[in-house]
Amino acid sequence: MNLNRTAGVKEYWIVNPMKETVIVYDFVNDEKIAQYSFEENISVGIFPGLSMNIAELLK
């Protein structure tokens, strides 16, 4: 994670299809970490107003 942050990555998503979860690391806002299920709408921090629902994408 340190390499991503120092390289200028603003947001990093880890998608786990086995557990149907998404972990979002927000490097812009003090490394805030959040976990979501595929069914939840996930706000894309680097694009205000945009959200994604992984379950909808996989239909």
N, C-alpha and C. Protein backbone atom coordinates (compact mmCIF):
# COMPACT_ATOMS: atom_id res chain seq x y z
N MET A 1 0.81 -1.19 0.00
CA MET A 1 0.00 0.00 0.00
C MET A 1 0.86 1.26 0.00
N ASN A 2 1.98 1.20 0.68
CA ASN A 2 2.85 2.37 0.73
C ASN A 2 3.33 2.75 -0.67
N LEU A 3 3.65 1.77 -1.48
CA LEU A 3 4.09 2.04 -2.85
C LEU A 3 2.99 2.75 -3.65
N ASN A 4 1.75 2.28 -3.51
CA ASN A 4 0.63 2.91 -4.21
C ASN A 4 0.45 4.36 -3.77
N ARG A 5 0.47 4.58 -2.48
CA ARG A 5 0.27 5.92 -1.94
C ARG A 5 1.37 6.87 -2.39
N THR A 6 2.61 6.44 -2.32
CA THR A 6 3.72 7.31 -2.70
C THR A 6 3.80 7.51 -4.21
N ALA A 7 3.19 6.60 -4.98
CA ALA A 7 3.17 6.73 -6.44
C ALA A 7 2.06 7.67 -6.91
N GLY A 8 1.24 8.14 -5.97
CA GLY A 8 0.19 9.09 -6.33
C GLY A 8 -1.17 8.48 -6.55
N VAL A 9 -1.33 7.18 -6.23
CA VAL A 9 -2.65 6.55 -6.36
C VAL A 9 -3.58 7.19 -5.34
N LYS A 10 -4.75 7.64 -5.78
CA LYS A 10 -5.68 8.33 -4.89
C LYS A 10 -6.67 7.37 -4.24
N GLU A 11 -7.02 6.31 -4.94
CA GLU A 11 -8.01 5.36 -4.43
C GLU A 11 -7.67 3.99 -4.97
N TYR A 12 -7.78 2.97 -4.12
CA TYR A 12 -7.39 1.61 -4.51
C TYR A 12 -8.49 0.66 -4.09
N TRP A 13 -9.03 -0.12 -5.01
CA TRP A 13 -10.11 -1.06 -4.73
C TRP A 13 -9.59 -2.48 -4.83
N ILE A 14 -9.95 -3.30 -3.85
CA ILE A 14 -9.67 -4.73 -3.91
C ILE A 14 -11.02 -5.44 -3.97
N VAL A 15 -11.27 -6.12 -5.09
CA VAL A 15 -12.54 -6.82 -5.30
C VAL A 15 -12.31 -8.30 -5.06
N ASN A 16 -13.07 -8.88 -4.12
CA ASN A 16 -12.95 -10.29 -3.79
C ASN A 16 -14.22 -11.01 -4.28
N PRO A 17 -14.15 -11.67 -5.44
CA PRO A 17 -15.34 -12.33 -5.97
C PRO A 17 -15.79 -13.53 -5.14
N MET A 18 -14.89 -14.15 -4.42
CA MET A 18 -15.26 -15.31 -3.60
C MET A 18 -16.14 -14.89 -2.41
N LYS A 19 -15.79 -13.79 -1.77
CA LYS A 19 -16.55 -13.29 -0.62
C LYS A 19 -17.58 -12.23 -1.02
N GLU A 20 -17.54 -11.83 -2.30
CA GLU A 20 -18.41 -10.78 -2.82
C GLU A 20 -18.30 -9.50 -1.99
N THR A 21 -17.05 -9.08 -1.79
CA THR A 21 -16.77 -7.85 -1.05
C THR A 21 -15.81 -6.98 -1.83
N VAL A 22 -15.83 -5.70 -1.50
CA VAL A 22 -14.91 -4.73 -2.08
C VAL A 22 -14.33 -3.92 -0.93
N ILE A 23 -13.01 -3.84 -0.87
CA ILE A 23 -12.34 -2.99 0.11
C ILE A 23 -11.80 -1.80 -0.64
N VAL A 24 -12.12 -0.60 -0.14
CA VAL A 24 -11.70 0.63 -0.80
C VAL A 24 -10.75 1.38 0.13
N TYR A 25 -9.55 1.63 -0.36
CA TYR A 25 -8.56 2.43 0.36
C TYR A 25 -8.59 3.83 -0.24
N ASP A 26 -8.84 4.82 0.57
CA ASP A 26 -8.91 6.22 0.13
C ASP A 26 -7.67 6.93 0.64
N PHE A 27 -6.67 7.08 -0.23
CA PHE A 27 -5.40 7.70 0.17
C PHE A 27 -5.49 9.22 0.26
N VAL A 28 -6.52 9.80 -0.33
CA VAL A 28 -6.69 11.25 -0.29
C VAL A 28 -7.15 11.70 1.10
N ASN A 29 -8.04 10.93 1.71
CA ASN A 29 -8.63 11.29 3.00
C ASN A 29 -8.02 10.47 4.14
N ASP A 30 -6.73 10.65 4.35
CA ASP A 30 -6.03 10.02 5.47
C ASP A 30 -6.15 8.50 5.50
N GLU A 31 -6.05 7.88 4.33
CA GLU A 31 -6.05 6.43 4.22
C GLU A 31 -7.29 5.79 4.79
N LYS A 32 -8.43 6.41 4.62
CA LYS A 32 -9.70 5.84 5.07
C LYS A 32 -9.92 4.51 4.36
N ILE A 33 -10.34 3.49 5.12
CA ILE A 33 -10.59 2.16 4.58
C ILE A 33 -12.06 1.81 4.81
N ALA A 34 -12.73 1.32 3.78
CA ALA A 34 -14.12 0.92 3.91
C ALA A 34 -14.34 -0.40 3.19
N GLN A 35 -15.25 -1.21 3.72
CA GLN A 35 -15.58 -2.48 3.09
C GLN A 35 -17.05 -2.49 2.71
N TYR A 36 -17.34 -3.02 1.52
CA TYR A 36 -18.69 -3.04 0.98
C TYR A 36 -19.00 -4.43 0.46
N SER A 37 -20.28 -4.74 0.37
CA SER A 37 -20.71 -5.97 -0.30
C SER A 37 -20.99 -5.63 -1.77
N PHE A 38 -21.10 -6.64 -2.60
CA PHE A 38 -21.39 -6.43 -4.01
C PHE A 38 -22.75 -5.75 -4.20
N GLU A 39 -23.66 -5.90 -3.25
CA GLU A 39 -25.02 -5.36 -3.37
C GLU A 39 -25.09 -3.87 -3.06
N GLU A 40 -24.06 -3.32 -2.43
CA GLU A 40 -24.09 -1.91 -2.02
C GLU A 40 -23.64 -0.99 -3.15
N ASN A 41 -24.15 0.23 -3.13
CA ASN A 41 -23.65 1.27 -4.02
C ASN A 41 -22.39 1.86 -3.40
N ILE A 42 -21.31 1.87 -4.16
CA ILE A 42 -20.02 2.33 -3.66
C ILE A 42 -19.68 3.65 -4.35
N SER A 43 -19.51 4.68 -3.56
CA SER A 43 -19.13 5.98 -4.12
C SER A 43 -17.68 5.94 -4.59
N VAL A 44 -17.46 6.48 -5.77
CA VAL A 44 -16.11 6.55 -6.32
C VAL A 44 -15.53 7.89 -5.88
N GLY A 45 -14.60 7.85 -4.95
CA GLY A 45 -14.07 9.07 -4.33
C GLY A 45 -13.41 10.03 -5.29
N ILE A 46 -12.78 9.52 -6.34
CA ILE A 46 -12.07 10.41 -7.26
C ILE A 46 -12.97 11.01 -8.32
N PHE A 47 -14.24 10.56 -8.38
CA PHE A 47 -15.23 11.12 -9.30
C PHE A 47 -16.51 11.43 -8.53
N PRO A 48 -16.60 12.62 -7.94
CA PRO A 48 -17.79 12.97 -7.16
C PRO A 48 -19.08 12.77 -7.97
N GLY A 49 -20.07 12.19 -7.31
CA GLY A 49 -21.35 11.94 -7.95
C GLY A 49 -21.46 10.59 -8.64
N LEU A 50 -20.35 9.87 -8.77
CA LEU A 50 -20.35 8.55 -9.41
C LEU A 50 -20.35 7.47 -8.35
N SER A 51 -21.22 6.48 -8.52
CA SER A 51 -21.19 5.31 -7.64
C SER A 51 -21.32 4.06 -8.49
N MET A 52 -20.87 2.95 -7.93
CA MET A 52 -20.90 1.68 -8.65
C MET A 52 -21.55 0.62 -7.78
N ASN A 53 -22.27 -0.28 -8.42
CA ASN A 53 -22.86 -1.43 -7.76
C ASN A 53 -22.34 -2.65 -8.49
N ILE A 54 -21.47 -3.41 -7.85
CA ILE A 54 -20.79 -4.53 -8.51
C ILE A 54 -21.80 -5.58 -8.95
N ALA A 55 -22.81 -5.86 -8.14
CA ALA A 55 -23.82 -6.86 -8.51
C ALA A 55 -24.51 -6.47 -9.81
N GLU A 56 -24.80 -5.20 -9.98
CA GLU A 56 -25.44 -4.72 -11.21
C GLU A 56 -24.48 -4.86 -12.40
N LEU A 57 -23.20 -4.63 -12.18
CA LEU A 57 -22.23 -4.76 -13.26
C LEU A 57 -22.10 -6.21 -13.74
N LEU A 58 -22.30 -7.16 -12.84
CA LEU A 58 -22.11 -8.57 -13.16
C LEU A 58 -23.35 -9.25 -13.75
N LYS A 59 -24.44 -8.52 -13.86
CA LYS A 59 -25.67 -9.11 -14.43
C LYS A 59 -25.52 -9.36 -15.90
